[in-house]
Amino acid sequence: MRTGTRSCVEYAVSLGAGLAVGVMYGLLRVRTPAPPLVCLVGLAGMLIGYGLLESFV
């Protein structure tokens, strides 16, 4: 895998996967396991941690 660069395809696949899971949650009427704000903060933390790890490794 390339280091330091991301292609639009990678972002599109990630967005598509997230949308697909969201649609499935909606169709099955499953509630998210955490309130939306908590989910977003958790995802932001994951992205920041991943970015920091890539910066130093």
PDB file of N, CA and C in Angstrom:
ATOM      1  N   MET A   1       0.836  -1.188   0.000  1.00  0.00           N
ATOM      2  CA  MET A   1       0.000   0.000   0.000  1.00  0.00           C
ATOM      3  C   MET A   1       0.876   1.244   0.000  1.00  0.00           C
ATOM      4  N   ARG A   2       0.423   2.257  -0.667  1.00  0.00           N
ATOM      5  CA  ARG A   2       1.165   3.517  -0.703  1.00  0.00           C
ATOM      6  C   ARG A   2       1.144   4.169   0.670  1.00  0.00           C
ATOM      7  N   THR A   3       2.212   4.843   1.007  1.00  0.00           N
ATOM      8  CA  THR A   3       2.240   5.581   2.270  1.00  0.00           C
ATOM      9  C   THR A   3       2.232   7.069   1.978  1.00  0.00           C
ATOM     10  N   GLY A   4       1.456   7.801   2.750  1.00  0.00           N
ATOM     11  CA  GLY A   4       1.439   9.251   2.614  1.00  0.00           C
ATOM     12  C   GLY A   4       0.434   9.803   1.631  1.00  0.00           C
ATOM     13  N   THR A   5      -0.128   8.974   0.763  1.00  0.00           N
ATOM     14  CA  THR A   5      -1.107   9.474  -0.199  1.00  0.00           C
ATOM     15  C   THR A   5      -2.348   8.595  -0.154  1.00  0.00           C
ATOM     16  N   ARG A   6      -3.441   9.196  -0.467  1.00  0.00           N
ATOM     17  CA  ARG A   6      -4.718   8.481  -0.544  1.00  0.00           C
ATOM     18  C   ARG A   6      -5.364   8.830  -1.877  1.00  0.00           C
ATOM     19  N   SER A   7      -5.954   7.846  -2.506  1.00  0.00           N
ATOM     20  CA  SER A   7      -6.638   8.127  -3.759  1.00  0.00           C
ATOM     21  C   SER A   7      -8.110   8.395  -3.486  1.00  0.00           C
ATOM     22  N   CYS A   8      -8.752   9.021  -4.423  1.00  0.00           N
ATOM     23  CA  CYS A   8     -10.185   9.289  -4.308  1.00  0.00           C
ATOM     24  C   CYS A   8     -10.979   7.994  -4.205  1.00  0.00           C
ATOM     25  N   VAL A   9     -10.472   6.951  -4.826  1.00  0.00           N
ATOM     26  CA  VAL A   9     -11.177   5.667  -4.790  1.00  0.00           C
ATOM     27  C   VAL A   9     -11.253   5.146  -3.358  1.00  0.00           C
ATOM     28  N   GLU A  10     -10.178   5.267  -2.590  1.00  0.00           N
ATOM     29  CA  GLU A  10     -10.189   4.805  -1.207  1.00  0.00           C
ATOM     30  C   GLU A  10     -11.231   5.544  -0.383  1.00  0.00           C
ATOM     31  N   TYR A  11     -11.316   6.861  -0.574  1.00  0.00           N
ATOM     32  CA  TYR A  11     -12.305   7.648   0.149  1.00  0.00           C
ATOM     33  C   TYR A  11     -13.718   7.298  -0.307  1.00  0.00           C
ATOM     34  N   ALA A  12     -13.910   7.080  -1.594  1.00  0.00           N
ATOM     35  CA  ALA A  12     -15.232   6.728  -2.123  1.00  0.00           C
ATOM     36  C   ALA A  12     -15.687   5.382  -1.589  1.00  0.00           C
ATOM     37  N   VAL A  13     -14.768   4.420  -1.524  1.00  0.00           N
ATOM     38  CA  VAL A  13     -15.117   3.096  -0.987  1.00  0.00           C
ATOM     39  C   VAL A  13     -15.494   3.216   0.486  1.00  0.00           C
ATOM     40  N   SER A  14     -14.735   3.994   1.233  1.00  0.00           N
ATOM     41  CA  SER A  14     -15.030   4.192   2.652  1.00  0.00           C
ATOM     42  C   SER A  14     -16.392   4.851   2.847  1.00  0.00           C
ATOM     43  N   LEU A  15     -16.672   5.891   2.074  1.00  0.00           N
ATOM     44  CA  LEU A  15     -17.957   6.564   2.155  1.00  0.00           C
ATOM     45  C   LEU A  15     -19.084   5.621   1.772  1.00  0.00           C
ATOM     46  N   GLY A  16     -18.888   4.859   0.707  1.00  0.00           N
ATOM     47  CA  GLY A  16     -19.909   3.905   0.268  1.00  0.00           C
ATOM     48  C   GLY A  16     -20.206   2.848   1.320  1.00  0.00           C
ATOM     49  N   ALA A  17     -19.167   2.339   1.973  1.00  0.00           N
ATOM     50  CA  ALA A  17     -19.363   1.341   3.028  1.00  0.00           C
ATOM     51  C   ALA A  17     -20.144   1.935   4.190  1.00  0.00           C
ATOM     52  N   GLY A  18     -19.799   3.154   4.570  1.00  0.00           N
ATOM     53  CA  GLY A  18     -20.521   3.816   5.655  1.00  0.00           C
ATOM     54  C   GLY A  18     -21.982   4.057   5.305  1.00  0.00           C
ATOM     55  N   LEU A  19     -22.228   4.486   4.083  1.00  0.00           N
ATOM     56  CA  LEU A  19     -23.613   4.700   3.651  1.00  0.00           C
ATOM     57  C   LEU A  19     -24.395   3.391   3.621  1.00  0.00           C
ATOM     58  N   ALA A  20     -23.756   2.318   3.151  1.00  0.00           N
ATOM     59  CA  ALA A  20     -24.429   1.016   3.091  1.00  0.00           C
ATOM     60  C   ALA A  20     -24.812   0.540   4.488  1.00  0.00           C
ATOM     61  N   VAL A  21     -23.916   0.687   5.437  1.00  0.00           N
ATOM     62  CA  VAL A  21     -24.221   0.278   6.814  1.00  0.00           C
ATOM     63  C   VAL A  21     -25.327   1.154   7.385  1.00  0.00           C
ATOM     64  N   GLY A  22     -25.280   2.447   7.110  1.00  0.00           N
ATOM     65  CA  GLY A  22     -26.339   3.339   7.581  1.00  0.00           C
ATOM     66  C   GLY A  22     -27.703   2.975   7.021  1.00  0.00           C
ATOM     67  N   VAL A  23     -27.739   2.631   5.739  1.00  0.00           N
ATOM     68  CA  VAL A  23     -29.005   2.221   5.116  1.00  0.00           C
ATOM     69  C   VAL A  23     -29.507   0.916   5.742  1.00  0.00           C
ATOM     70  N   MET A  24     -28.588  -0.030   5.970  1.00  0.00           N
ATOM     71  CA  MET A  24     -29.001  -1.297   6.603  1.00  0.00           C
ATOM     72  C   MET A  24     -29.545  -1.053   8.013  1.00  0.00           C
ATOM     73  N   TYR A  25     -28.881  -0.185   8.766  1.00  0.00           N
ATOM     74  CA  TYR A  25     -29.374   0.160  10.110  1.00  0.00           C
ATOM     75  C   TYR A  25     -30.783   0.729  10.007  1.00  0.00           C
ATOM     76  N   GLY A  26     -30.987   1.622   9.040  1.00  0.00           N
ATOM     77  CA  GLY A  26     -32.304   2.235   8.874  1.00  0.00           C
ATOM     78  C   GLY A  26     -33.371   1.234   8.473  1.00  0.00           C
ATOM     79  N   LEU A  27     -33.040   0.347   7.532  1.00  0.00           N
ATOM     80  CA  LEU A  27     -34.017  -0.647   7.082  1.00  0.00           C
ATOM     81  C   LEU A  27     -34.380  -1.627   8.187  1.00  0.00           C
ATOM     82  N   LEU A  28     -33.404  -1.996   8.983  1.00  0.00           N
ATOM     83  CA  LEU A  28     -33.647  -2.946  10.069  1.00  0.00           C
ATOM     84  C   LEU A  28     -34.129  -2.254  11.344  1.00  0.00           C
ATOM     85  N   ARG A  29     -34.207  -0.939  11.285  1.00  0.00           N
ATOM     86  CA  ARG A  29     -34.630  -0.119  12.419  1.00  0.00           C
ATOM     87  C   ARG A  29     -33.792  -0.403  13.668  1.00  0.00           C
ATOM     88  N   VAL A  30     -32.491  -0.513  13.439  1.00  0.00           N
ATOM     89  CA  VAL A  30     -31.542  -0.733  14.522  1.00  0.00           C
ATOM     90  C   VAL A  30     -31.027   0.625  14.973  1.00  0.00           C
ATOM     91  N   ARG A  31     -31.022   0.842  16.258  1.00  0.00           N
ATOM     92  CA  ARG A  31     -30.481   2.096  16.771  1.00  0.00           C
ATOM     93  C   ARG A  31     -28.969   1.999  16.835  1.00  0.00           C
ATOM     94  N   THR A  32     -28.312   3.123  16.642  1.00  0.00           N
ATOM     95  CA  THR A  32     -26.864   3.110  16.756  1.00  0.00           C
ATOM     96  C   THR A  32     -26.495   2.784  18.196  1.00  0.00           C
ATOM     97  N   PRO A  33     -25.357   2.123  18.396  1.00  0.00           N
ATOM     98  CA  PRO A  33     -24.981   1.724  19.747  1.00  0.00           C
ATOM     99  C   PRO A  33     -24.627   2.896  20.668  1.00  0.00           C
ATOM    100  N   ALA A  34     -24.424   4.058  20.128  1.00  0.00           N
ATOM    101  CA  ALA A  34     -24.101   5.233  20.938  1.00  0.00           C
ATOM    102  C   ALA A  34     -24.797   6.442  20.324  1.00  0.00           C
ATOM    103  N   PRO A  35     -25.024   7.479  21.119  1.00  0.00           N
ATOM    104  CA  PRO A  35     -25.618   8.700  20.556  1.00  0.00           C
ATOM    105  C   PRO A  35     -24.744   9.249  19.425  1.00  0.00           C
ATOM    106  N   PRO A  36     -25.341   9.884  18.425  1.00  0.00           N
ATOM    107  CA  PRO A  36     -24.582  10.359  17.261  1.00  0.00           C
ATOM    108  C   PRO A  36     -23.363  11.213  17.600  1.00  0.00           C
ATOM    109  N   LEU A  37     -23.468  12.113  18.576  1.00  0.00           N
ATOM    110  CA  LEU A  37     -22.327  12.960  18.919  1.00  0.00           C
ATOM    111  C   LEU A  37     -21.176  12.119  19.461  1.00  0.00           C
ATOM    112  N   VAL A  38     -21.501  11.132  20.294  1.00  0.00           N
ATOM    113  CA  VAL A  38     -20.463  10.261  20.845  1.00  0.00           C
ATOM    114  C   VAL A  38     -19.793   9.480  19.722  1.00  0.00           C
ATOM    115  N   CYS A  39     -20.580   9.012  18.762  1.00  0.00           N
ATOM    116  CA  CYS A  39     -20.015   8.280  17.619  1.00  0.00           C
ATOM    117  C   CYS A  39     -19.055   9.162  16.827  1.00  0.00           C
ATOM    118  N   LEU A  40     -19.460  10.380  16.555  1.00  0.00           N
ATOM    119  CA  LEU A  40     -18.614  11.281  15.773  1.00  0.00           C
ATOM    120  C   LEU A  40     -17.321  11.613  16.498  1.00  0.00           C
ATOM    121  N   VAL A  41     -17.391  11.822  17.802  1.00  0.00           N
ATOM    122  CA  VAL A  41     -16.180  12.111  18.570  1.00  0.00           C
ATOM    123  C   VAL A  41     -15.262  10.889  18.560  1.00  0.00           C
ATOM    124  N   GLY A  42     -15.845   9.697  18.692  1.00  0.00           N
ATOM    125  CA  GLY A  42     -15.047   8.473  18.639  1.00  0.00           C
ATOM    126  C   GLY A  42     -14.383   8.287  17.290  1.00  0.00           C
ATOM    127  N   LEU A  43     -15.118   8.524  16.227  1.00  0.00           N
ATOM    128  CA  LEU A  43     -14.542   8.409  14.884  1.00  0.00           C
ATOM    129  C   LEU A  43     -13.434   9.441  14.672  1.00  0.00           C
ATOM    130  N   ALA A  44     -13.648  10.650  15.157  1.00  0.00           N
ATOM    131  CA  ALA A  44     -12.615  11.677  15.037  1.00  0.00           C
ATOM    132  C   ALA A  44     -11.350  11.246  15.778  1.00  0.00           C
ATOM    133  N   GLY A  45     -11.515  10.670  16.950  1.00  0.00           N
ATOM    134  CA  GLY A  45     -10.375  10.182  17.705  1.00  0.00           C
ATOM    135  C   GLY A  45      -9.627   9.084  16.976  1.00  0.00           C
ATOM    136  N   MET A  46     -10.376   8.194  16.340  1.00  0.00           N
ATOM    137  CA  MET A  46      -9.742   7.122  15.574  1.00  0.00           C
ATOM    138  C   MET A  46      -8.936   7.703  14.417  1.00  0.00           C
ATOM    139  N   LEU A  47      -9.500   8.657  13.713  1.00  0.00           N
ATOM    140  CA  LEU A  47      -8.807   9.265  12.578  1.00  0.00           C
ATOM    141  C   LEU A  47      -7.556  10.023  13.021  1.00  0.00           C
ATOM    142  N   ILE A  48      -7.669  10.747  14.119  1.00  0.00           N
ATOM    143  CA  ILE A  48      -6.508  11.488  14.625  1.00  0.00           C
ATOM    144  C   ILE A  48      -5.420  10.513  15.065  1.00  0.00           C
ATOM    145  N   GLY A  49      -5.807   9.465  15.775  1.00  0.00           N
ATOM    146  CA  GLY A  49      -4.829   8.468  16.211  1.00  0.00           C
ATOM    147  C   GLY A  49      -4.155   7.784  15.044  1.00  0.00           C
ATOM    148  N   TYR A  50      -4.928   7.449  14.038  1.00  0.00           N
ATOM    149  CA  TYR A  50      -4.371   6.802  12.848  1.00  0.00           C
ATOM    150  C   TYR A  50      -3.398   7.744  12.144  1.00  0.00           C
ATOM    151  N   GLY A  51      -3.776   9.008  12.035  1.00  0.00           N
ATOM    152  CA  GLY A  51      -2.916   9.997  11.393  1.00  0.00           C
ATOM    153  C   GLY A  51      -1.615  10.192  12.157  1.00  0.00           C
ATOM    154  N   LEU A  52      -1.706  10.239  13.487  1.00  0.00           N
ATOM    155  CA  LEU A  52      -0.506  10.378  14.307  1.00  0.00           C
ATOM    156  C   LEU A  52       0.403   9.174  14.139  1.00  0.00           C
ATOM    157  N   LEU A  53      -0.180   7.999  14.133  1.00  0.00           N
ATOM    158  CA  LEU A  53       0.609   6.777  13.978  1.00  0.00           C
ATOM    159  C   LEU A  53       1.321   6.764  12.640  1.00  0.00           C
ATOM    160  N   GLU A  54       0.623   7.157  11.568  1.00  0.00           N
ATOM    161  CA  GLU A  54       1.249   7.209  10.247  1.00  0.00           C
ATOM    162  C   GLU A  54       2.366   8.242  10.182  1.00  0.00           C
ATOM    163  N   SER A  55       2.229   9.324  10.946  1.00  0.00           N
ATOM    164  CA  SER A  55       3.242  10.387  10.932  1.00  0.00           C
ATOM    165  C   SER A  55       4.558   9.923  11.535  1.00  0.00           C
ATOM    166  N   PHE A  56       4.484   9.064  12.528  1.00  0.00           N
ATOM    167  CA  PHE A  56       5.679   8.663  13.246  1.00  0.00           C
ATOM    168  C   PHE A  56       6.230   7.308  12.856  1.00  0.00           C
ATOM    169  N   VAL A  57       5.494   6.550  12.076  1.00  0.00           N
ATOM    170  CA  VAL A  57       5.972   5.205  11.693  1.00  0.00           C
ATOM    171  C   VAL A  57       6.447   5.197  10.268  1.00  0.00           C
TER     172      VAL A  57
END
